[in-house]
């Protein structure tokens, strides 16, 4: 695949890019979640860069978590302790390219990286 971004929901679903996997950083309590910008870079400093903001997830990560909790309570569902909750993509989805590292920076929350 060529490096680039998936620009619409149909391409994202067809490519299964959102379901391929995820990378975890260190755990954070929901109380520290706040609205922050984020940047995803593919191939280092000179590579492609995708930017976004956590407010794309229903106004912010804490708002998204509160909405989810309300929906689960209404459905009588309880999440087990330690559950991983993902907001979904906050940037365009870059194609992974073999040999190029991908780095996601989340402001004060830190960063995660992956190389294939």
N, C-alpha and C. Protein backbone atom coordinates (compact mmCIF):
# COMPACT_ATOMS: atom_id res chain seq x y z
N UNK A 1 0.84 -1.19 0.00
CA UNK A 1 0.00 0.00 0.00
C UNK A 1 0.88 1.24 0.00
N UNK A 2 0.41 2.28 -0.60
CA UNK A 2 1.11 3.55 -0.61
C UNK A 2 0.78 4.32 0.64
N UNK A 3 1.73 5.14 1.09
CA UNK A 3 1.45 5.99 2.24
C UNK A 3 0.38 6.98 1.86
N UNK A 4 -0.47 7.33 2.80
CA UNK A 4 -1.54 8.28 2.55
C UNK A 4 -2.57 8.18 3.64
N UNK A 5 -3.67 8.81 3.44
CA UNK A 5 -4.73 8.79 4.45
C UNK A 5 -6.02 8.28 3.85
N UNK A 6 -6.79 7.64 4.68
CA UNK A 6 -8.14 7.22 4.30
C UNK A 6 -9.03 8.40 4.66
N UNK A 7 -9.72 8.95 3.68
CA UNK A 7 -10.43 10.20 3.91
C UNK A 7 -11.90 10.08 4.25
N UNK A 8 -12.50 8.92 4.07
CA UNK A 8 -13.92 8.84 4.38
C UNK A 8 -14.25 7.55 5.11
N UNK A 9 -15.42 7.53 5.73
CA UNK A 9 -15.81 6.40 6.56
C UNK A 9 -15.90 5.11 5.76
N UNK A 10 -16.37 5.18 4.52
CA UNK A 10 -16.51 3.97 3.71
C UNK A 10 -15.15 3.32 3.46
N UNK A 11 -14.14 4.13 3.12
CA UNK A 11 -12.80 3.59 2.90
C UNK A 11 -12.24 2.99 4.19
N UNK A 12 -12.49 3.66 5.30
CA UNK A 12 -12.01 3.20 6.59
C UNK A 12 -12.59 1.83 6.93
N UNK A 13 -13.89 1.68 6.77
CA UNK A 13 -14.55 0.40 7.08
C UNK A 13 -14.09 -0.68 6.11
N UNK A 14 -14.03 -0.36 4.82
CA UNK A 14 -13.65 -1.34 3.81
C UNK A 14 -12.22 -1.82 4.02
N UNK A 15 -11.37 -0.97 4.53
CA UNK A 15 -9.97 -1.31 4.73
C UNK A 15 -9.73 -2.01 6.07
N UNK A 16 -10.74 -2.04 6.93
CA UNK A 16 -10.61 -2.59 8.28
C UNK A 16 -9.51 -1.92 9.09
N UNK A 17 -9.16 -0.70 8.76
CA UNK A 17 -8.05 -0.05 9.45
C UNK A 17 -8.36 0.24 10.92
N UNK A 18 -9.59 0.52 11.25
CA UNK A 18 -9.91 0.80 12.64
C UNK A 18 -9.97 -0.45 13.49
N UNK A 19 -10.09 -1.60 12.87
CA UNK A 19 -10.19 -2.85 13.62
C UNK A 19 -8.88 -3.64 13.61
N UNK A 20 -7.86 -3.12 12.97
CA UNK A 20 -6.62 -3.87 12.82
C UNK A 20 -5.86 -4.03 14.13
N UNK A 21 -5.97 -3.09 15.01
CA UNK A 21 -5.26 -3.17 16.28
C UNK A 21 -5.14 -1.80 16.91
N UNK A 22 -4.55 -1.76 18.09
CA UNK A 22 -4.33 -0.49 18.77
C UNK A 22 -3.12 -0.63 19.66
N UNK A 23 -2.55 0.50 20.04
CA UNK A 23 -1.37 0.54 20.89
C UNK A 23 -1.76 1.24 22.18
N UNK A 24 -1.38 0.68 23.28
CA UNK A 24 -1.70 1.27 24.57
C UNK A 24 -0.49 1.98 25.16
N UNK A 25 -0.73 3.14 25.71
CA UNK A 25 0.27 3.83 26.51
C UNK A 25 0.00 3.49 27.96
N UNK A 26 0.55 4.28 28.86
CA UNK A 26 0.30 4.01 30.27
C UNK A 26 -1.13 4.39 30.64
N UNK A 27 -1.72 3.70 31.61
CA UNK A 27 -3.11 3.99 32.00
C UNK A 27 -3.23 5.38 32.63
N UNK A 28 -4.40 5.99 32.45
CA UNK A 28 -4.71 7.28 33.07
C UNK A 28 -6.10 7.20 33.67
N UNK A 29 -6.30 7.87 34.79
CA UNK A 29 -7.63 7.95 35.39
C UNK A 29 -8.48 8.89 34.55
N UNK A 30 -9.79 8.62 34.44
CA UNK A 30 -10.65 9.49 33.64
C UNK A 30 -10.59 10.95 34.05
N UNK A 31 -10.32 11.24 35.32
CA UNK A 31 -10.27 12.62 35.78
C UNK A 31 -9.18 13.45 35.15
N UNK A 32 -8.12 12.82 34.61
CA UNK A 32 -7.06 13.58 33.97
C UNK A 32 -7.32 13.79 32.49
N UNK A 33 -8.38 13.17 31.98
CA UNK A 33 -8.68 13.33 30.57
C UNK A 33 -9.21 14.74 30.31
N UNK A 34 -8.58 15.39 29.38
CA UNK A 34 -9.05 16.72 28.99
C UNK A 34 -8.88 16.88 27.50
N UNK A 35 -9.39 17.94 27.01
CA UNK A 35 -9.33 18.19 25.58
C UNK A 35 -7.90 18.56 25.18
N UNK A 36 -7.33 17.79 24.26
CA UNK A 36 -5.95 18.02 23.83
C UNK A 36 -5.82 17.78 22.34
N UNK A 37 -4.86 18.46 21.75
CA UNK A 37 -4.51 18.20 20.37
C UNK A 37 -3.66 16.94 20.30
N UNK A 38 -3.61 16.33 19.14
CA UNK A 38 -2.77 15.17 18.96
C UNK A 38 -2.18 15.20 17.56
N UNK A 39 -1.06 14.53 17.42
CA UNK A 39 -0.40 14.45 16.12
C UNK A 39 0.08 13.03 15.90
N UNK A 40 -0.15 12.54 14.71
CA UNK A 40 0.32 11.21 14.31
C UNK A 40 1.29 11.44 13.16
N UNK A 41 2.50 10.91 13.29
CA UNK A 41 3.47 11.06 12.21
C UNK A 41 3.90 9.68 11.72
N UNK A 42 4.07 9.58 10.43
CA UNK A 42 4.46 8.34 9.77
C UNK A 42 5.80 8.57 9.12
N UNK A 43 6.82 7.85 9.59
CA UNK A 43 8.14 7.96 8.98
C UNK A 43 9.02 9.02 9.59
N UNK A 44 8.79 9.40 10.83
CA UNK A 44 9.67 10.35 11.51
C UNK A 44 9.34 11.80 11.23
N UNK A 45 10.28 12.67 11.59
CA UNK A 45 10.06 14.12 11.51
C UNK A 45 9.74 14.61 10.11
N UNK A 46 10.32 13.98 9.10
CA UNK A 46 10.12 14.44 7.72
C UNK A 46 8.97 13.71 7.03
N UNK A 47 8.33 12.80 7.73
CA UNK A 47 7.26 12.01 7.14
C UNK A 47 5.92 12.73 7.17
N UNK A 48 4.90 12.01 6.73
CA UNK A 48 3.54 12.56 6.75
C UNK A 48 3.09 12.79 8.17
N UNK A 49 2.27 13.83 8.36
CA UNK A 49 1.78 14.18 9.69
C UNK A 49 0.27 14.39 9.62
N UNK A 50 -0.42 13.80 10.56
CA UNK A 50 -1.88 13.92 10.65
C UNK A 50 -2.18 14.52 12.02
N UNK A 51 -3.01 15.53 12.05
CA UNK A 51 -3.33 16.16 13.32
C UNK A 51 -4.82 16.05 13.60
N UNK A 52 -5.14 16.14 14.87
CA UNK A 52 -6.52 16.07 15.29
C UNK A 52 -6.66 16.66 16.67
N UNK A 53 -7.83 16.51 17.23
CA UNK A 53 -8.10 17.03 18.57
C UNK A 53 -9.06 16.08 19.27
N UNK A 54 -8.83 15.89 20.56
CA UNK A 54 -9.67 14.96 21.30
C UNK A 54 -11.12 15.42 21.38
N UNK A 55 -11.37 16.68 21.09
CA UNK A 55 -12.76 17.17 21.09
C UNK A 55 -13.58 16.54 19.96
N UNK A 56 -12.91 15.89 19.00
CA UNK A 56 -13.62 15.19 17.93
C UNK A 56 -14.41 14.00 18.47
N UNK A 57 -14.08 13.55 19.68
CA UNK A 57 -14.80 12.44 20.32
C UNK A 57 -15.87 13.03 21.23
N UNK A 58 -16.99 13.44 20.64
CA UNK A 58 -18.16 13.91 21.39
C UNK A 58 -17.84 15.11 22.30
N UNK A 59 -16.89 15.93 21.91
CA UNK A 59 -16.54 17.11 22.69
C UNK A 59 -15.31 16.92 23.57
N UNK A 60 -14.90 15.70 23.79
CA UNK A 60 -13.72 15.41 24.61
C UNK A 60 -13.80 14.01 25.17
N UNK A 61 -12.67 13.47 25.60
CA UNK A 61 -12.66 12.08 26.07
C UNK A 61 -13.53 11.84 27.31
N UNK A 62 -13.57 12.79 28.22
CA UNK A 62 -14.40 12.60 29.41
C UNK A 62 -15.89 12.62 29.04
N UNK A 63 -16.27 13.50 28.12
CA UNK A 63 -17.66 13.54 27.66
C UNK A 63 -18.05 12.24 26.99
N UNK A 64 -17.15 11.70 26.16
CA UNK A 64 -17.42 10.43 25.49
C UNK A 64 -17.57 9.30 26.51
N UNK A 65 -16.71 9.29 27.53
CA UNK A 65 -16.79 8.26 28.56
C UNK A 65 -18.09 8.38 29.35
N UNK A 66 -18.48 9.59 29.68
CA UNK A 66 -19.73 9.79 30.42
C UNK A 66 -20.94 9.35 29.59
N UNK A 67 -20.93 9.64 28.29
CA UNK A 67 -22.01 9.19 27.41
C UNK A 67 -22.08 7.67 27.40
N UNK A 68 -20.91 7.02 27.23
CA UNK A 68 -20.87 5.56 27.21
C UNK A 68 -21.42 4.98 28.51
N UNK A 69 -21.01 5.53 29.63
CA UNK A 69 -21.49 5.03 30.92
C UNK A 69 -23.01 5.15 31.03
N UNK A 70 -23.56 6.27 30.58
CA UNK A 70 -25.01 6.45 30.61
C UNK A 70 -25.73 5.44 29.75
N UNK A 71 -25.20 5.18 28.56
CA UNK A 71 -25.81 4.20 27.66
C UNK A 71 -25.74 2.79 28.25
N UNK A 72 -24.61 2.45 28.86
CA UNK A 72 -24.46 1.12 29.44
C UNK A 72 -25.38 0.93 30.64
N UNK A 73 -25.49 1.95 31.49
CA UNK A 73 -26.39 1.87 32.64
C UNK A 73 -27.82 1.68 32.16
N UNK A 74 -28.22 2.44 31.14
CA UNK A 74 -29.59 2.32 30.62
C UNK A 74 -29.86 0.92 30.07
N UNK A 75 -28.82 0.26 29.58
CA UNK A 75 -28.97 -1.09 29.02
C UNK A 75 -28.71 -2.17 30.06
N UNK A 76 -28.39 -1.77 31.29
CA UNK A 76 -28.13 -2.74 32.34
C UNK A 76 -26.80 -3.46 32.18
N UNK A 77 -25.86 -2.82 31.54
CA UNK A 77 -24.55 -3.44 31.28
C UNK A 77 -23.51 -2.80 32.19
N UNK A 78 -22.65 -3.62 32.77
CA UNK A 78 -21.55 -3.14 33.61
C UNK A 78 -20.25 -3.56 32.96
N UNK A 79 -19.33 -2.61 32.78
CA UNK A 79 -18.02 -2.94 32.24
C UNK A 79 -17.16 -3.55 33.35
N UNK A 80 -16.44 -4.59 33.04
CA UNK A 80 -15.52 -5.15 34.03
C UNK A 80 -14.39 -4.16 34.35
N UNK A 81 -13.89 -4.22 35.57
CA UNK A 81 -12.75 -3.38 35.95
C UNK A 81 -11.61 -3.64 34.98
N UNK A 82 -10.90 -2.58 34.62
CA UNK A 82 -9.76 -2.70 33.73
C UNK A 82 -10.12 -2.72 32.25
N UNK A 83 -11.38 -2.50 31.92
CA UNK A 83 -11.79 -2.49 30.51
C UNK A 83 -11.06 -1.39 29.75
N UNK A 84 -10.74 -1.67 28.50
CA UNK A 84 -10.11 -0.69 27.63
C UNK A 84 -11.21 -0.03 26.81
N UNK A 85 -11.25 1.29 26.84
CA UNK A 85 -12.27 2.04 26.11
C UNK A 85 -11.57 2.90 25.08
N UNK A 86 -11.94 2.74 23.82
CA UNK A 86 -11.36 3.51 22.73
C UNK A 86 -12.39 4.50 22.20
N UNK A 87 -11.96 5.72 21.92
CA UNK A 87 -12.87 6.73 21.39
C UNK A 87 -13.09 6.57 19.89
N UNK A 88 -12.21 5.86 19.23
CA UNK A 88 -12.23 5.82 17.77
C UNK A 88 -11.20 6.79 17.24
N UNK A 89 -11.07 6.83 15.93
CA UNK A 89 -10.06 7.68 15.31
C UNK A 89 -10.31 9.16 15.51
N UNK A 90 -9.27 9.89 15.80
CA UNK A 90 -9.36 11.34 15.97
C UNK A 90 -8.61 12.07 14.85
N UNK A 91 -7.97 11.33 13.97
CA UNK A 91 -7.30 11.88 12.80
C UNK A 91 -7.68 11.03 11.60
N UNK A 92 -7.29 11.46 10.43
CA UNK A 92 -7.40 10.58 9.27
C UNK A 92 -6.55 9.35 9.56
N UNK A 93 -6.89 8.24 8.96
CA UNK A 93 -6.16 6.99 9.22
C UNK A 93 -5.01 6.84 8.23
N UNK A 94 -3.77 6.92 8.71
CA UNK A 94 -2.64 6.74 7.80
C UNK A 94 -2.44 5.26 7.46
N UNK A 95 -2.00 5.00 6.26
CA UNK A 95 -1.62 3.63 5.90
C UNK A 95 -0.29 3.32 6.57
N UNK A 96 -0.17 2.14 7.15
CA UNK A 96 1.11 1.72 7.68
C UNK A 96 1.99 1.27 6.53
N UNK A 97 3.24 1.64 6.59
CA UNK A 97 4.19 1.30 5.54
C UNK A 97 5.34 0.55 6.20
N UNK A 98 5.64 -0.65 5.69
CA UNK A 98 6.71 -1.45 6.26
C UNK A 98 8.01 -0.65 6.26
N UNK A 99 8.67 -0.64 7.41
CA UNK A 99 9.92 0.07 7.56
C UNK A 99 9.78 1.51 8.04
N UNK A 100 8.56 2.02 8.14
CA UNK A 100 8.35 3.38 8.63
C UNK A 100 7.64 3.32 9.98
N UNK A 101 8.22 3.96 10.96
CA UNK A 101 7.61 4.01 12.29
C UNK A 101 6.43 4.97 12.27
N UNK A 102 5.46 4.70 13.12
CA UNK A 102 4.34 5.62 13.30
C UNK A 102 4.35 6.03 14.78
N UNK A 103 4.21 7.32 15.01
CA UNK A 103 4.26 7.88 16.36
C UNK A 103 3.01 8.71 16.57
N UNK A 104 2.33 8.49 17.68
CA UNK A 104 1.16 9.28 18.05
C UNK A 104 1.48 10.03 19.33
N UNK A 105 1.35 11.35 19.28
CA UNK A 105 1.66 12.20 20.43
C UNK A 105 0.37 12.81 20.95
N UNK A 106 0.13 12.64 22.25
CA UNK A 106 -1.11 13.08 22.88
C UNK A 106 -0.87 14.15 23.94
N UNK A 107 -0.11 15.16 23.64
CA UNK A 107 0.13 16.26 24.57
C UNK A 107 0.68 15.76 25.90
N UNK A 108 0.06 16.21 27.00
CA UNK A 108 0.52 15.85 28.34
C UNK A 108 0.34 14.37 28.67
N UNK A 109 -0.48 13.66 27.89
CA UNK A 109 -0.68 12.24 28.16
C UNK A 109 0.48 11.38 27.66
N UNK A 110 1.31 11.93 26.80
CA UNK A 110 2.47 11.20 26.32
C UNK A 110 2.31 10.74 24.88
N UNK A 111 3.12 9.76 24.51
CA UNK A 111 3.10 9.28 23.14
C UNK A 111 3.26 7.76 23.10
N UNK A 112 2.89 7.20 21.97
CA UNK A 112 3.09 5.78 21.69
C UNK A 112 3.66 5.66 20.28
N UNK A 113 4.37 4.56 20.03
CA UNK A 113 4.93 4.38 18.70
C UNK A 113 4.90 2.90 18.31
N UNK A 114 5.03 2.69 17.02
CA UNK A 114 4.97 1.33 16.47
C UNK A 114 5.82 1.31 15.22
N UNK A 115 6.59 0.24 15.05
CA UNK A 115 7.35 0.05 13.82
C UNK A 115 7.07 -1.35 13.33
N UNK A 116 6.88 -1.47 12.04
CA UNK A 116 6.55 -2.76 11.44
C UNK A 116 7.67 -3.23 10.58
